[in-house]
Protein backbone atom coordinates (compact mmCIF):
# COMPACT_ATOMS: atom_id res chain seq x y z
CA MET A 1 -16.34 -0.22 -8.44
CA CYS A 2 -13.58 -2.04 -10.72
CA ALA A 3 -10.44 -3.74 -10.52
CA THR A 4 -7.19 -2.04 -11.79
CA ASN A 5 -4.26 -3.75 -12.20
CA LEU A 6 -1.33 -1.36 -11.30
CA TRP A 7 2.09 -2.62 -12.68
CA ALA A 8 5.49 -1.14 -11.53
CA VAL A 9 9.30 -1.60 -12.71
CA ASN A 10 12.45 0.09 -11.97
CA ALA A 11 12.90 3.56 -13.66
CA ALA A 12 15.79 2.57 -15.57
CA ALA A 13 13.88 -0.43 -17.37
CA PHE A 14 11.05 1.68 -18.69
CA THR A 15 12.50 2.43 -21.68
CA PRO A 16 10.84 3.24 -25.32
CA GLU A 17 12.20 -0.67 -25.79
CA PHE A 18 10.15 -2.00 -23.10
CA GLU A 19 7.39 0.19 -24.29
CA ARG A 20 7.56 -1.32 -27.90
CA PHE A 21 8.20 -4.86 -26.39
CA THR A 22 5.21 -4.90 -24.06
CA ALA A 23 3.16 -3.40 -27.09
CA GLU A 24 4.10 -6.13 -29.43
CA GLN A 25 3.81 -8.99 -26.91
CA ILE A 26 0.86 -8.25 -25.41
CA GLY A 27 -1.21 -5.65 -27.64
CA VAL A 28 -1.59 -3.25 -25.00
CA ALA A 29 1.36 0.10 -24.67
CA PRO A 30 1.86 0.82 -20.61
CA GLN A 31 0.04 3.88 -19.65
CA VAL A 32 1.46 5.53 -16.97
CA SER A 33 -0.14 6.12 -13.84
CA GLU A 34 -0.37 8.79 -11.26
CA LEU A 35 -1.06 6.43 -8.68
CA ARG A 36 1.91 4.91 -6.61
CA ILE A 37 2.31 1.55 -5.15
CA ALA A 38 2.83 2.14 -1.04
CA SER A 39 5.07 -1.25 -0.20
CA SER A 40 8.53 -1.50 0.44
CA ARG A 41 8.80 -3.97 -2.23
CA VAL A 42 8.40 -1.27 -4.70
CA ARG A 43 10.74 1.56 -4.90
CA ALA A 44 9.46 5.03 -4.80
CA SER A 45 11.47 5.71 -8.06
CA SER A 46 9.66 2.98 -9.92
CA VAL A 47 7.34 3.82 -12.91
CA VAL A 48 3.56 2.67 -12.43
CA PHE A 49 1.55 1.96 -15.34
CA THR A 50 -1.42 -0.02 -16.46
CA LEU A 51 -2.20 -2.39 -19.19
CA THR A 52 -5.57 -1.90 -19.42
CA GLN A 53 -7.35 -3.07 -22.60
CA ARG A 54 -10.83 -1.94 -21.60
CA MET A 55 -12.55 0.26 -19.19
CA CYS A 56 -10.94 -1.63 -16.31
CA ASP A 57 -8.90 -4.93 -15.40
CA CYS A 58 -12.13 -6.63 -14.55
CA ASP A 59 -11.82 -9.37 -17.42
CA SER A 60 -7.96 -9.56 -17.36
CA LEU A 61 -6.39 -12.81 -16.92
CA ILE A 62 -4.64 -11.49 -14.02
CA GLY A 63 -6.52 -11.99 -10.84
CA ARG A 64 -9.60 -13.81 -12.16
CA GLY A 65 -9.28 -17.08 -10.48
CA SER A 66 -10.90 -19.88 -12.06
CA ASP A 67 -13.12 -17.74 -14.28
CA ASP A 68 -13.45 -18.65 -17.94
CA PRO A 69 -11.67 -16.41 -20.34
CA VAL A 70 -13.64 -13.69 -22.05
CA ASP A 71 -13.24 -12.92 -25.42
CA GLY A 72 -11.02 -10.59 -26.52
CA GLU A 73 -8.58 -11.13 -23.26
CA ILE A 74 -4.99 -11.17 -23.78
CA ALA A 75 -3.94 -14.93 -23.73
CA THR A 76 -2.35 -16.71 -20.94
CA GLU A 77 0.75 -17.86 -23.37
CA ASP A 78 1.11 -13.84 -24.24
CA TRP A 79 1.37 -12.62 -20.45
CA LEU A 80 3.99 -15.78 -19.46
CA THR A 81 6.03 -14.82 -22.89
CA TRP A 82 6.09 -11.16 -22.06
CA LEU A 83 7.15 -11.46 -18.04
CA ARG A 84 9.77 -14.64 -18.99
CA GLU A 85 11.22 -12.57 -22.01
CA LEU A 86 11.34 -9.25 -20.58
CA PRO A 87 15.01 -9.40 -19.35
CA THR A 88 16.07 -10.09 -22.71
CA GLN A 89 14.42 -7.14 -24.21
CA VAL A 90 15.00 -4.72 -21.35
CA PRO A 91 18.39 -5.38 -19.84
CA HIS A 92 17.24 -3.29 -16.45
CA ALA A 93 14.22 -5.04 -15.34
CA SER A 94 15.44 -6.33 -12.32
CA ARG A 95 11.80 -6.74 -10.60
CA LEU A 96 8.22 -6.48 -11.93
CA ALA A 97 5.28 -6.20 -9.83
CA VAL A 98 1.57 -5.81 -10.14
CA LEU A 99 -1.20 -4.87 -7.63
CA ARG A 100 -4.47 -5.80 -7.98
CA ALA A 101 -6.41 -3.07 -6.73
CA TRP A 102 -10.58 -2.51 -6.38
CA SER A 103 -11.43 0.69 -7.40
CA PRO A 104 -8.63 2.84 -5.74
CA GLN A 105 -8.92 6.07 -4.30
CA ASP A 106 -5.86 7.27 -2.99
CA ASP A 107 -3.03 8.46 -4.85
CA ASP A 108 -0.67 5.80 -2.88
CA VAL A 109 -2.38 2.27 -2.98
CA ALA A 110 -1.01 0.25 -0.21
CA PRO A 111 -1.32 -3.77 -0.86
CA ARG A 112 -3.14 -5.96 2.04
CA HIS A 113 -0.83 -9.01 1.01
CA ALA A 114 2.12 -9.35 -0.58
CA LYS A 115 4.07 -12.35 -2.45
CA ALA A 116 7.25 -12.59 -4.03
CA VAL A 117 8.36 -15.07 -6.69
CA THR A 118 10.84 -15.68 -9.07
CA ILE A 119 10.41 -15.42 -12.50
CA SER A 120 10.80 -19.37 -12.92
CA GLU A 121 7.69 -19.52 -10.29
CA VAL A 122 5.28 -17.47 -12.42
CA THR A 123 2.43 -19.96 -13.55
CA GLU A 124 -0.97 -19.12 -15.19
CA GLN A 125 -2.17 -20.11 -11.45
CA VAL A 126 0.14 -17.65 -9.84
CA LEU A 127 -1.16 -14.77 -12.09
CA ARG A 128 -4.69 -15.72 -12.10
CA GLY A 129 -4.65 -16.38 -8.17
CA LEU A 130 -3.80 -12.68 -7.62
CA LYS A 131 -6.38 -11.71 -5.09
CA ASP A 132 -7.95 -8.13 -4.79
CA ASP A 133 -5.74 -5.54 -2.76
CA SER A 134 -2.68 -7.97 -3.17
CA LEU A 135 0.71 -7.18 -4.72
CA LEU A 136 2.86 -9.96 -6.74
CA THR A 137 6.31 -9.12 -6.86
CA ILE A 138 8.51 -10.88 -9.94
CA ASP A 139 12.28 -10.80 -9.26
CA TYR A 140 14.30 -11.65 -12.19
CA PRO A 141 17.72 -13.39 -11.76
CA ARG A 142 20.73 -10.69 -12.16
CA THR A 143 23.16 -10.79 -15.00
CA ALA A 144 26.74 -9.71 -14.92
């Protein structure tokens, strides 16, 4: 039994630039997943991916609560910088979603809880506070 953080972004934003920026900023390239996030907050056409460093996301900052950092964990500032700078690097990013799934079994993973925030509201506490089987959607301001 393990935690898996499933990320989703609109298909137009999942570009080579997105993959490059993600790998450079947090040190992990996105790996496309066959799992889907079953929520009205995530379009069916979105690309679902993982950013797993090891076998699972049990030791990721995302959803760790007040647990101390583990050796080799992606630093808080790296996560926050990646999230905040994403729209400057990937113009079509309008929403990013992350679902902390506990040992997902089905192809379509449905969250039990959901919370929406704007990028200006994202803090370390918001990321750490993501509970198992909960979806966090992060909305970016629209640009003209």
